[in-house]
Protein backbone atom coordinates (compact mmCIF):
# COMPACT_ATOMS: atom_id res chain seq x y z
CA MET A 1 0.26 0.22 -0.36
CA ASP A 2 0.63 3.66 -0.72
CA GLN A 3 2.60 5.43 2.66
CA ASN A 4 1.87 8.82 0.85
CA LEU A 5 -2.07 8.22 1.05
CA PRO A 6 -4.03 9.32 3.58
CA VAL A 7 -6.18 6.76 6.39
CA GLU A 8 -8.76 8.96 6.42
CA LEU A 9 -11.12 11.26 5.37
CA GLN A 10 -11.90 15.05 7.36
CA LEU A 11 -15.53 15.21 6.65
CA SER A 12 -17.49 18.44 7.23
CA VAL A 13 -20.95 18.54 6.55
CA VAL A 14 -22.70 22.61 6.31
CA THR A 15 -25.43 24.12 6.17
CA PRO A 16 -26.67 28.30 5.67
CA ALA A 17 -27.59 27.22 9.04
CA ARG A 18 -25.70 25.35 11.21
CA GLU A 19 -22.25 23.08 10.70
CA VAL A 20 -24.18 19.29 11.15
CA ALA A 21 -20.51 17.52 11.06
CA ARG A 22 -16.98 17.62 11.70
CA GLU A 23 -15.52 14.36 12.12
CA LYS A 24 -12.53 12.05 10.59
CA VAL A 25 -13.85 9.69 9.12
CA LYS A 26 -13.38 6.42 6.80
CA GLY A 27 -14.91 6.90 3.73
CA VAL A 28 -18.23 8.25 3.14
CA THR A 29 -21.44 8.26 0.08
CA VAL A 30 -22.94 10.88 -0.97
CA PRO A 31 -26.23 11.33 -3.17
CA GLY A 32 -24.47 12.87 -6.49
CA LYS A 33 -26.32 14.09 -9.12
CA GLY A 34 -25.52 11.03 -10.98
CA GLY A 35 -25.99 8.71 -8.25
CA TYR A 36 -24.17 7.42 -5.20
CA LEU A 37 -20.24 8.33 -5.05
CA GLY A 38 -18.48 6.12 -2.83
CA ILE A 39 -15.40 8.27 -1.60
CA LEU A 40 -12.04 7.12 0.18
CA PRO A 41 -9.60 8.74 1.67
CA GLY A 42 -7.18 9.11 -1.32
CA HIS A 43 -9.65 10.37 -3.86
CA ALA A 44 -9.01 11.91 -6.72
CA PRO A 45 -10.54 16.03 -6.41
CA LEU A 46 -13.50 16.54 -7.50
CA LEU A 47 -16.85 18.34 -7.62
CA SER A 48 -19.97 17.79 -7.72
CA GLU A 49 -24.02 18.60 -7.68
CA LEU A 50 -25.79 16.57 -4.86
CA GLN A 51 -29.31 15.41 -5.39
CA ALA A 52 -31.47 15.03 -2.44
CA GLY A 53 -30.70 11.52 -0.94
CA GLU A 54 -28.57 10.01 2.11
CA LEU A 55 -25.26 11.10 2.70
CA SER A 56 -23.43 8.03 4.90
CA TYR A 57 -20.04 7.82 6.45
CA VAL A 58 -18.24 5.18 8.72
CA HIS A 59 -17.00 6.98 12.15
CA ASN A 60 -15.47 4.97 15.13
CA GLY A 61 -16.34 1.65 13.39
CA SER A 62 -20.22 2.39 12.85
CA ALA A 63 -22.30 3.59 9.92
CA GLU A 64 -23.54 7.14 10.87
CA PHE A 65 -26.59 8.13 8.38
CA MET A 66 -27.90 11.41 7.45
CA ALA A 67 -30.31 12.90 4.91
CA LEU A 68 -29.50 15.70 2.89
CA SER A 69 -31.66 18.16 -0.16
CA ARG A 70 -29.09 19.81 -2.95
CA GLY A 71 -26.11 21.52 -2.50
CA PHE A 72 -22.80 20.34 -3.30
CA VAL A 73 -20.00 18.15 -2.47
CA GLU A 74 -15.85 18.78 -2.88
CA VAL A 75 -13.03 16.24 -2.57
CA LEU A 76 -9.42 16.18 -2.21
CA PRO A 77 -7.16 13.44 -1.06
CA GLU A 78 -7.46 13.99 2.47
CA ARG A 79 -10.76 16.51 2.67
CA VAL A 80 -14.83 16.21 1.87
CA ILE A 81 -16.90 19.29 1.73
CA VAL A 82 -20.43 19.36 1.74
CA LEU A 83 -22.34 22.15 1.21
CA ALA A 84 -25.99 21.57 1.71
CA GLU A 85 -29.59 23.25 1.55
CA ALA A 86 -31.01 21.46 4.81
CA VAL A 87 -29.12 18.78 6.60
CA GLU A 88 -30.50 16.24 9.32
CA ARG A 89 -28.61 13.63 11.36
CA ALA A 90 -30.80 10.72 11.14
CA GLU A 91 -31.73 10.45 15.24
CA GLU A 92 -32.99 14.39 14.48
CA ILE A 93 -35.75 12.94 12.07
CA ASP A 94 -39.47 13.90 12.69
CA VAL A 95 -40.70 11.26 10.99
CA ALA A 96 -44.75 12.02 11.44
CA ARG A 97 -43.64 16.08 9.87
CA ALA A 98 -41.47 13.25 7.28
CA GLU A 99 -44.47 11.64 6.62
CA GLN A 100 -46.57 14.80 5.92
CA ALA A 101 -44.13 16.83 3.72
CA LYS A 102 -43.76 13.57 1.57
CA GLU A 103 -48.01 13.61 1.17
CA ARG A 104 -47.84 17.12 0.68
CA ALA A 105 -44.95 16.50 -2.18
CA GLU A 106 -47.19 13.68 -3.83
CA ASP A 107 -50.59 15.49 -3.53
CA HIS A 108 -48.60 18.32 -5.63
CA HIS A 109 -47.41 16.23 -8.44
CA LEU A 110 -50.64 14.62 -9.10
């Protein structure tokens, strides 16, 4: 294995309202505009638009999940920065509110 490659990524997840996460992680998966992107330490530089979906990462041996709306991701070999309109950690999601929002969205598409 190349000794020059990083073994962790510095993940920053921010919205206009707050910083949601700043963690050292082993890998990150984000909902890119054309599909999900898996990012590991040493990834080539990349800038991508994000669609609404699930962001996941591994921190201290456990998987963490967040729901995010549209935004952008900047990837560098040692760092991933996610800038999103809105982000909620899995434990922050109000399931009843989310179901109501889904119903309203489906009603507007008819």
